[in-house]
Structure formats: structure tokens, C-alpha cells
Amino acid sequence: MDSLLKILEDRLGNDLPFVVYRLPGEDTLVYMAGMVEQLTSHQAVIPPGFLMAPFDSNETSWFMHAEEYRWENLAAPVTPEVSAEMIPRLLRPDDRQQHEQKVSAAVTAIRQGLLKKVVLSRKELTVFEQPLSEVLRTLLNLYPSAFCYWWFHPETKSWMGASPELLLETRGSSFKSVSLAGTQEYLGNLDVKWGDKEREEQQIVTEYIMDQLQPVTRAVSRETASTVRAGRLLHLKTKIKGEMRTEGWQPLVAKLHPTPAVCGYPTEVARKYILEHEGYEREFYTGYLGPVGFEMNPLDHLALFVNLRCMKIDGEQATVFVGGGITADSVPEKEWEEIEAKSSTMMKVLANSVI
């Protein structure tokens, strides 16, 4: 692995694009490099390669062709104890006030019946000095069950993340997806209690996804919700599977993205609210990404993940993205505290990146 990490650092230093990733639960790190093109339609994707799509579907996606690639077997993950030390955030004096005002405005819109839920996010800036290859090593160790990646292009800069949420996986005409909602801290036990609010939210998200998929699939079914771990958090997760129509995977992605978990619902209303009121461009945060027609599998295989728990790195500055769901009962002060707690994980990773 060390030799591959050196290749990544060398390419980064020479402004040469690459992507490296590990699928959830796997012990193989996949490296890919090649021509990168910007696409306005996923119909133009020609596998094999790696797709990087933004939150706003009206913006262009990026596709890296797999002209150069290699697989690297990973040692058994070592779960490090991330210290309490954190990289300090570069907060402006009015950051908290502005976020609480946005939450308050969203609560008002929800109580007026304009929408039922909206996910509001913000970006937190920090500076650090550790090599990015070591940050990647930490992510791989901390999140063995997540989709971990490092993407770099001189125009987009570096993006890193560890996503717990599958958007779409296909093999032939079969597909899989998940509904993910509800969050609580992992305290060493998966046998936890979920409140009515979390279970109701999970049910709403699951039924929305099922309804969205019905018109573009030949068959679709779901399993019972279960508790899953993602690093130091627990979520409610429902597995969804079925058979695609002959049109391929693009119609499913169009129906699934953005998910209610990163946008809200009704989803189209929430999406427009975010674009008009959030106050910054999410870029690839809460978009989706993953290999298309790659791995050691047929060209009709793809695995796309929602770009959560991620950060953008440009030189020594890192931008950590974090969000939270706003409902009619949300309290602005508590929403700020929750969003700050969520961002602390990546801040700790950056502070303790050399394992």
C-alpha cells in the first residue's frame, strides 16, 4: 500500500488526475487514472471509469476513463482511537447566527406547509499540514464498512470521504439501493432503541424511494429496516432491490437523486429551497460517485454512493461539509450544536491523520 500512496502523492504534486477507492467491506484498494471529461448527460458515460456527480443535477458531472489502473490488497483494518484533539475551525463571528437564522426560516416555511422537511448544510474551513495519503489511510481504518475514496483533478482539487449510503448498485438487470435515515451515537451495541420520530422518518424515506422506482423498474421490493454502524454513528437502513427495465441505470439515478436523506421532502420542493436559501454551492457534497463498468466484473456493473461525510482539500486548506435535517420541531440553537458535533469527526481525522 505504501508504494501506491507514494504514487498518489507524486501525481498530486504534479497536478495529474487520479482516483483511488475501496468498496464497503472489501480489502482491496483500487487506483485509476486517465482522461477526465465533463458530461451534461450520463447517457454519454462510456465505461469503464469513475463517475463524480454534483448535488445540483443541472451542473456538469466528471467522468474519469480507466486508462491506467491497479488493485492493492489492504492489511486488516486497524481501528485507531481518534484523539480528542481537533483541527481548529476557521469560523467567522456571524457563522452561528447565520446558520440559526437559516434554520429558523426553514422551520417557518415548514410550518406554513411549503414542505415537510429540508436538509440544510454548511461548510467548515480549516488548515492542516499532514500528507493527504495519511488522511486516506485513517479513513480506510476508521470506516471499514463505508465507501472510502480520494479523487483529485487540478480543477476540482482533492475530495475525500467515507460514505455509508449506497445510491445504486447494478449487476446485469438486477439493482440494489438503500433507504437511510435516523442517527444516534454508537456506544458499543447495535441493539438500540429507536424513537417513533426516527422510525416514521425512515418509513417516509423508504416509501418515497419505492414510489420513485416503480415507474422505471420491472420489479422492486424492500426488506425490514435494521440498525447499521457507520464509524461512531448508527443509522436505520432498509435494503431495496429489484429488476431494471431495458433502458439501463440512468433512469434509476434520475429518480433516486437527490435522496430525501440529503435533501428533504417533497424532494423537488426541498431541492429548490436548498438552492435558493442555503447560501453556498454544495459542489460534489451530497452528489454521488463510484465506479462504472469497472472492478473485475462485467461492464454492466456499477456502484454509486451518496457523497456524505466528505471534504474538499486545496493545498493546506480543507473544507468539511456537514448537514442536518430540519423539521417543524427543530430548534435553531440545537441544530447548530448538532451540526458542529457532526463536523468534529473529520476535524479529528485531520488532526490525527498519522497513525
Protein backbone atom coordinates (compact mmCIF):
# COMPACT_ATOMS: atom_id res chain seq x y z
CA MET A 1 0.00 0.00 0.00
CA ASP A 2 2.87 2.37 0.78
CA SER A 3 4.08 2.23 -2.83
CA LEU A 4 0.61 3.15 -4.09
CA LEU A 5 0.31 6.02 -1.64
CA LYS A 6 3.63 7.36 -2.93
CA ILE A 7 2.24 7.24 -6.49
CA LEU A 8 -0.78 9.26 -5.34
CA GLU A 9 1.36 11.89 -3.64
CA ASP A 10 3.58 12.14 -6.74
CA ARG A 11 0.57 12.60 -9.02
CA LEU A 12 -0.89 15.18 -6.65
CA GLY A 13 2.39 17.10 -6.68
CA ASN A 14 2.42 17.09 -10.48
CA ASP A 15 -1.27 18.04 -10.90
CA LEU A 16 -2.11 14.69 -12.54
CA PRO A 17 -5.72 13.43 -12.05
CA PHE A 18 -6.46 10.15 -10.26
CA VAL A 19 -8.99 8.41 -8.07
CA VAL A 20 -8.50 5.67 -5.50
CA TYR A 21 -11.31 3.93 -3.62
CA ARG A 22 -12.36 0.93 -1.56
CA LEU A 23 -15.83 -0.58 -1.70
CA PRO A 24 -17.64 -1.23 1.63
CA GLY A 25 -16.39 -4.29 3.46
CA GLU A 26 -13.72 -5.05 0.85
CA ASP A 27 -9.98 -5.45 1.43
CA THR A 28 -8.88 -4.07 -1.95
CA LEU A 29 -7.86 -0.53 -2.78
CA VAL A 30 -8.50 0.36 -6.44
CA TYR A 31 -6.42 3.01 -8.21
CA MET A 32 -7.49 4.58 -11.51
CA ALA A 33 -6.12 7.31 -13.77
CA GLY A 34 -6.88 8.50 -17.27
CA MET A 35 -8.62 11.12 -19.36
CA VAL A 36 -11.26 13.12 -17.50
CA GLU A 37 -14.22 14.69 -19.26
CA GLN A 38 -17.14 16.79 -18.10
CA LEU A 39 -20.60 15.49 -19.01
CA THR A 40 -24.02 17.10 -19.11
CA SER A 41 -25.78 13.76 -19.66
CA HIS A 42 -24.97 10.38 -18.15
CA GLN A 43 -26.03 8.81 -21.44
CA ALA A 44 -22.55 9.84 -22.59
CA VAL A 45 -20.79 7.71 -19.95
CA ILE A 46 -18.65 5.09 -21.69
CA PRO A 47 -17.32 2.51 -19.20
CA PRO A 48 -15.05 1.53 -17.65
CA GLY A 49 -14.33 4.50 -15.43
CA PHE A 50 -15.31 6.53 -12.38
CA LEU A 51 -18.25 8.96 -12.17
CA MET A 52 -18.24 12.07 -9.93
CA ALA A 53 -21.60 13.86 -9.95
CA PRO A 54 -22.65 17.07 -8.12
CA PHE A 55 -25.66 17.71 -5.89
CA ASP A 56 -27.20 20.05 -8.47
CA SER A 57 -28.13 17.90 -11.47
CA ASN A 58 -28.05 21.00 -13.68
CA GLU A 59 -24.29 21.20 -13.16
CA THR A 60 -21.82 19.01 -15.07
CA SER A 61 -20.58 15.62 -13.88
CA TRP A 62 -16.98 14.43 -14.21
CA PHE A 63 -16.00 11.04 -15.62
CA MET A 64 -12.52 9.53 -15.42
CA HIS A 65 -11.73 6.85 -18.01
CA ALA A 66 -9.87 3.83 -16.66
CA GLU A 67 -6.81 4.02 -18.89
CA GLU A 68 -4.43 3.13 -16.06
CA TYR A 69 -5.40 1.10 -13.01
CA ARG A 70 -4.20 -1.32 -10.35
CA TRP A 71 -5.52 -3.20 -7.32
CA GLU A 72 -3.79 -3.20 -3.95
CA ASN A 73 -4.65 -5.68 -1.19
CA LEU A 74 -5.07 -3.97 2.17
CA ALA A 75 -3.96 -5.28 5.52
CA ALA A 76 -6.66 -5.98 8.08
CA PRO A 77 -8.07 -2.62 9.21
CA VAL A 78 -6.69 -1.23 12.43
CA THR A 79 -9.33 0.74 14.28
CA PRO A 80 -7.49 3.76 15.67
CA GLU A 81 -8.65 5.70 18.64
CA VAL A 82 -9.02 9.20 17.24
CA SER A 83 -7.87 11.57 19.94
CA ALA A 84 -9.99 14.37 21.32
CA GLU A 85 -7.68 16.81 19.57
CA MET A 86 -9.27 18.60 16.63
CA ILE A 87 -8.00 20.88 13.91
CA PRO A 88 -9.46 24.31 14.81
CA ARG A 89 -12.26 25.55 12.59
CA LEU A 90 -11.88 28.89 10.84
CA LEU A 91 -15.21 30.30 11.97
CA ARG A 92 -16.38 33.83 11.26
CA PRO A 93 -18.08 35.74 14.11
CA ASP A 94 -21.50 35.59 12.46
CA ASP A 95 -21.41 31.93 11.28
CA ARG A 96 -23.58 30.63 14.11
CA GLN A 97 -26.09 33.46 13.82
CA GLN A 98 -26.42 32.99 10.06
CA HIS A 99 -26.98 29.25 10.34
CA GLU A 100 -29.56 29.62 13.10
CA GLN A 101 -31.38 32.24 11.01
CA LYS A 102 -31.50 29.81 8.06
CA VAL A 103 -32.86 27.09 10.32
CA SER A 104 -35.49 29.44 11.74
CA ALA A 105 -36.58 30.46 8.23
CA ALA A 106 -36.81 26.80 7.19
CA VAL A 107 -38.93 25.96 10.24
CA THR A 108 -41.29 28.80 9.32
CA ALA A 109 -41.59 27.51 5.74
CA ILE A 110 -42.34 24.02 7.02
CA ARG A 111 -44.98 25.21 9.46
CA GLN A 112 -46.57 27.18 6.63
CA GLY A 113 -46.94 23.90 4.72
CA LEU A 114 -44.46 24.71 1.94
CA LEU A 115 -42.57 21.46 2.62
CA LYS A 116 -42.27 18.80 5.33
CA LYS A 117 -38.50 18.54 5.81
CA VAL A 118 -35.38 20.15 4.39
CA VAL A 119 -31.72 19.22 4.92
CA LEU A 120 -29.63 22.35 5.48
CA SER A 121 -25.85 22.14 5.35
CA ARG A 122 -22.81 24.36 5.73
CA LYS A 123 -19.09 24.13 5.09
CA GLU A 124 -16.43 24.47 7.76
CA LEU A 125 -12.90 25.59 6.85
CA THR A 126 -9.65 24.54 8.49
CA VAL A 127 -5.95 24.26 7.72
CA PHE A 128 -3.66 21.25 8.27
CA GLU A 129 -0.20 20.01 7.35
CA GLN A 130 -0.42 16.20 7.16
CA PRO A 131 0.09 14.35 3.85
CA LEU A 132 -3.23 13.51 2.20
CA SER A 133 -2.15 9.90 1.75
CA GLU A 134 -2.12 9.57 5.54
CA VAL A 135 -5.58 11.11 5.81
CA LEU A 136 -6.76 8.44 3.37
CA ARG A 137 -5.11 5.74 5.48
CA THR A 138 -7.03 6.98 8.51
CA LEU A 139 -10.36 6.97 6.67
CA LEU A 140 -9.75 3.41 5.48
CA ASN A 141 -9.04 2.26 9.03
CA LEU A 142 -11.86 4.20 10.68
CA TYR A 143 -14.61 3.24 8.23
CA PRO A 144 -14.21 -0.38 7.02
CA SER A 145 -17.91 -0.64 6.15
CA ALA A 146 -18.04 2.66 4.17
CA PHE A 147 -17.18 3.59 0.60
CA CYS A 148 -13.85 5.38 1.04
CA TYR A 149 -12.25 7.41 -1.74
CA TRP A 150 -9.78 10.09 -2.76
CA TRP A 151 -10.45 11.93 -6.02
CA PHE A 152 -8.11 14.54 -7.46
CA HIS A 153 -8.24 16.77 -10.51
CA PRO A 154 -6.45 20.15 -10.77
CA GLU A 155 -9.77 21.90 -11.50
CA THR A 156 -11.86 20.22 -8.77
CA LYS A 157 -8.98 19.82 -6.28
CA SER A 158 -8.92 16.84 -3.89
CA TRP A 159 -12.09 15.32 -2.48
CA MET A 160 -12.07 12.64 0.23
CA GLY A 161 -14.83 10.85 2.03
CA ALA A 162 -16.27 7.77 3.70
CA SER A 163 -19.89 7.33 2.64
CA PRO A 164 -22.26 4.93 4.44
CA GLU A 165 -25.05 5.29 1.84
CA LEU A 166 -25.41 3.29 -1.37
CA LEU A 167 -27.36 5.12 -4.07
CA LEU A 168 -27.45 2.39 -6.72
CA GLU A 169 -25.64 -0.85 -7.49
CA THR A 170 -26.35 -2.89 -10.62
CA ARG A 171 -25.32 -6.28 -11.97
CA GLY A 172 -26.91 -7.10 -15.28
CA SER A 173 -30.58 -6.15 -14.97
CA SER A 174 -30.62 -6.50 -11.15
CA PHE A 175 -30.21 -3.48 -8.89
CA LYS A 176 -29.85 -2.60 -5.21
CA SER A 177 -30.38 0.62 -3.28
CA VAL A 178 -30.92 1.63 0.35
CA SER A 179 -33.04 3.95 2.41
CA LEU A 180 -31.02 5.54 5.21
CA ALA A 181 -32.44 7.76 7.96
CA GLY A 182 -32.17 8.29 11.68
CA THR A 183 -28.93 8.85 13.58
CA GLN A 184 -27.63 8.14 17.06
CA GLU A 185 -24.21 7.69 18.63
CA TYR A 186 -22.63 4.23 18.62
CA LEU A 187 -21.93 3.18 22.21
CA GLY A 188 -20.65 -0.34 21.58
CA ASN A 189 -24.02 -2.02 20.94
CA LEU A 190 -26.20 -2.38 17.82
CA ASP A 191 -29.23 -3.45 19.84
CA VAL A 192 -30.59 0.05 20.44
CA LYS A 193 -33.99 1.67 20.76
CA TRP A 194 -35.30 3.97 18.02
CA GLY A 195 -38.00 6.53 18.73
CA ASP A 196 -41.25 6.87 16.81
CA LYS A 197 -39.91 10.00 15.11
CA GLU A 198 -36.89 8.18 13.62
CA ARG A 199 -38.91 5.16 12.54
CA GLU A 200 -41.57 7.35 10.95
CA GLU A 201 -38.90 9.30 9.08
CA GLN A 202 -37.33 6.05 7.88
CA GLN A 203 -40.73 4.83 6.68
CA ILE A 204 -41.35 8.08 4.77
CA VAL A 205 -37.95 7.93 3.05
CA THR A 206 -38.38 4.24 2.16
CA GLU A 207 -41.86 4.69 0.73
CA TYR A 208 -40.71 7.70 -1.27
CA ILE A 209 -37.87 5.70 -2.86
CA MET A 210 -40.20 2.77 -3.61
CA ASP A 211 -42.71 5.12 -5.27
CA GLN A 212 -39.95 6.78 -7.31
CA LEU A 213 -38.60 3.47 -8.58
CA GLN A 214 -41.93 1.88 -9.55
CA PRO A 215 -42.25 3.61 -12.98
CA VAL A 216 -38.68 2.79 -14.10
CA THR A 217 -38.36 -0.82 -12.90
CA ARG A 218 -39.94 -4.17 -13.70
CA ALA A 219 -39.94 -5.25 -10.05
CA VAL A 220 -38.94 -3.66 -6.75
CA SER A 221 -39.08 -4.93 -3.14
CA ARG A 222 -37.73 -3.97 0.27
CA GLU A 223 -36.50 -5.64 3.44
CA THR A 224 -37.26 -4.80 7.07
CA ALA A 225 -35.31 -1.84 8.46
CA SER A 226 -32.24 -2.70 10.55
CA THR A 227 -29.63 -0.84 12.58
CA VAL A 228 -26.23 -0.39 10.93
CA ARG A 229 -23.00 1.18 12.13
CA ALA A 230 -21.09 3.87 10.24
CA GLY A 231 -17.98 4.73 12.22
CA ARG A 232 -19.14 6.25 15.50
CA LEU A 233 -22.76 6.62 14.39
CA LEU A 234 -25.76 4.31 13.99
CA HIS A 235 -28.44 4.61 11.31
CA LEU A 236 -31.69 2.90 10.34
CA LYS A 237 -31.25 1.21 6.97
CA THR A 238 -33.70 -0.50 4.62
CA LYS A 239 -32.34 -2.55 1.71
CA ILE A 240 -34.21 -2.20 -1.59
CA LYS A 241 -33.74 -4.42 -4.66
CA GLY A 242 -35.37 -5.22 -7.97
CA GLU A 243 -35.06 -5.58 -11.74
CA MET A 244 -34.41 -2.70 -14.14
CA ARG A 245 -36.14 -2.07 -17.40
CA THR A 246 -34.11 -2.26 -20.61
CA GLU A 247 -33.30 1.48 -20.60
CA GLY A 248 -30.36 0.92 -18.21
CA TRP A 249 -29.29 2.55 -14.96
CA GLN A 250 -29.60 6.24 -15.87
CA PRO A 251 -33.41 6.48 -15.31
CA LEU A 252 -32.99 4.98 -11.82
CA VAL A 253 -30.34 7.50 -10.85
CA ALA A 254 -32.55 10.33 -12.13
CA LYS A 255 -35.34 9.10 -9.84
CA LEU A 256 -33.13 8.41 -6.80
CA HIS A 257 -31.03 11.58 -6.73
CA PRO A 258 -31.19 13.60 -4.59
CA THR A 259 -32.41 11.30 -1.83
CA PRO A 260 -34.70 12.64 0.92
CA ALA A 261 -31.86 11.89 3.38
CA VAL A 262 -29.69 14.65 1.86
CA CYS A 263 -32.42 16.92 0.52
CA GLY A 264 -35.76 16.58 2.34
CA TYR A 265 -39.31 16.05 1.09
CA PRO A 266 -41.24 16.63 -1.02
CA THR A 267 -37.85 16.23 -2.65
CA GLU A 268 -38.21 18.60 -5.59
CA VAL A 269 -39.58 21.37 -3.34
CA ALA A 270 -36.77 20.78 -0.83
CA ARG A 271 -34.14 20.77 -3.61
CA LYS A 272 -35.30 24.15 -4.88
CA TYR A 273 -35.41 25.52 -1.33
CA ILE A 274 -31.79 24.43 -0.76
CA LEU A 275 -30.56 26.01 -3.99
CA GLU A 276 -32.32 29.27 -3.17
CA HIS A 277 -31.67 29.58 0.57
CA GLU A 278 -28.65 27.53 1.68
CA GLY A 279 -26.26 30.27 0.60
CA TYR A 280 -23.39 28.34 -0.96
CA GLU A 281 -22.75 25.79 -3.69
CA ARG A 282 -22.53 22.20 -2.41
CA GLU A 283 -20.45 21.09 -5.44
CA PHE A 284 -19.91 17.32 -5.06
CA TYR A 285 -21.18 17.18 -1.45
CA THR A 286 -24.42 15.11 -1.39
CA GLY A 287 -23.89 14.29 -5.05
CA TYR A 288 -22.90 10.73 -5.93
CA LEU A 289 -19.83 8.90 -7.12
CA GLY A 290 -18.38 5.50 -7.87
CA PRO A 291 -17.02 3.03 -10.45
CA VAL A 292 -18.98 2.37 -13.63
CA GLY A 293 -18.31 -0.85 -15.56
CA PHE A 294 -15.13 -1.49 -13.63
CA GLU A 295 -13.84 -3.74 -10.87
CA MET A 296 -13.17 -7.28 -12.05
CA ASN A 297 -16.78 -7.54 -13.16
CA PRO A 298 -18.78 -7.21 -16.40
CA LEU A 299 -19.25 -3.78 -17.95
CA ASP A 300 -22.90 -3.72 -16.86
CA HIS A 301 -21.86 -3.38 -13.21
CA LEU A 302 -21.75 -0.09 -11.34
CA ALA A 303 -21.72 1.03 -7.72
CA LEU A 304 -22.69 4.63 -6.92
CA PHE A 305 -22.67 6.12 -3.42
CA VAL A 306 -24.07 9.34 -1.96
CA ASN A 307 -21.17 11.68 -1.23
CA LEU A 308 -21.57 12.07 2.53
CA ARG A 309 -19.00 12.54 5.30
CA CYS A 310 -16.66 14.23 2.85
CA MET A 311 -14.25 17.13 2.50
CA LYS A 312 -12.55 19.15 -0.21
CA ILE A 313 -8.83 19.88 0.10
CA ASP A 314 -6.95 22.62 -1.73
CA GLY A 315 -3.34 22.92 -0.63
CA GLU A 316 -3.32 23.18 3.17
CA GLN A 317 -6.98 24.25 3.41
CA ALA A 318 -9.72 21.69 3.97
CA THR A 319 -13.45 22.30 3.61
CA VAL A 320 -15.58 19.90 5.65
CA PHE A 321 -19.24 19.62 4.64
CA VAL A 322 -21.94 18.79 7.17
CA GLY A 323 -25.73 18.99 7.28
CA GLY A 324 -28.82 18.24 9.32
CA GLY A 325 -32.50 17.60 8.71
CA ILE A 326 -34.87 20.43 9.65
CA THR A 327 -38.48 19.74 10.62
CA ALA A 328 -41.31 21.74 12.17
CA ASP A 329 -39.98 20.90 15.66
CA SER A 330 -36.36 21.89 15.02
CA VAL A 331 -34.73 24.32 17.47
CA PRO A 332 -32.11 26.55 15.77
CA GLU A 333 -29.68 26.55 18.72
CA LYS A 334 -29.75 22.74 18.97
CA GLU A 335 -29.35 22.36 15.21
CA TRP A 336 -26.15 24.42 15.36
CA GLU A 337 -24.81 22.25 18.20
CA GLU A 338 -25.66 19.08 16.25
CA ILE A 339 -24.00 20.25 13.06
CA GLU A 340 -20.85 21.24 14.96
CA ALA A 341 -20.74 17.82 16.63
CA LYS A 342 -21.03 16.12 13.23
CA SER A 343 -18.17 18.11 11.74
CA SER A 344 -15.88 17.20 14.63
CA THR A 345 -15.31 13.69 13.24
CA MET A 346 -13.50 14.90 10.14
CA MET A 347 -11.70 17.59 12.14
CA LYS A 348 -10.36 14.85 14.42
CA VAL A 349 -9.33 12.75 11.42
CA LEU A 350 -7.33 15.66 10.06
CA ALA A 351 -5.72 16.30 13.45
CA ASN A 352 -4.77 12.67 14.00
CA SER A 353 -4.09 11.57 10.43
CA VAL A 354 -0.70 9.93 11.04
CA ILE A 355 -1.45 6.51 12.55
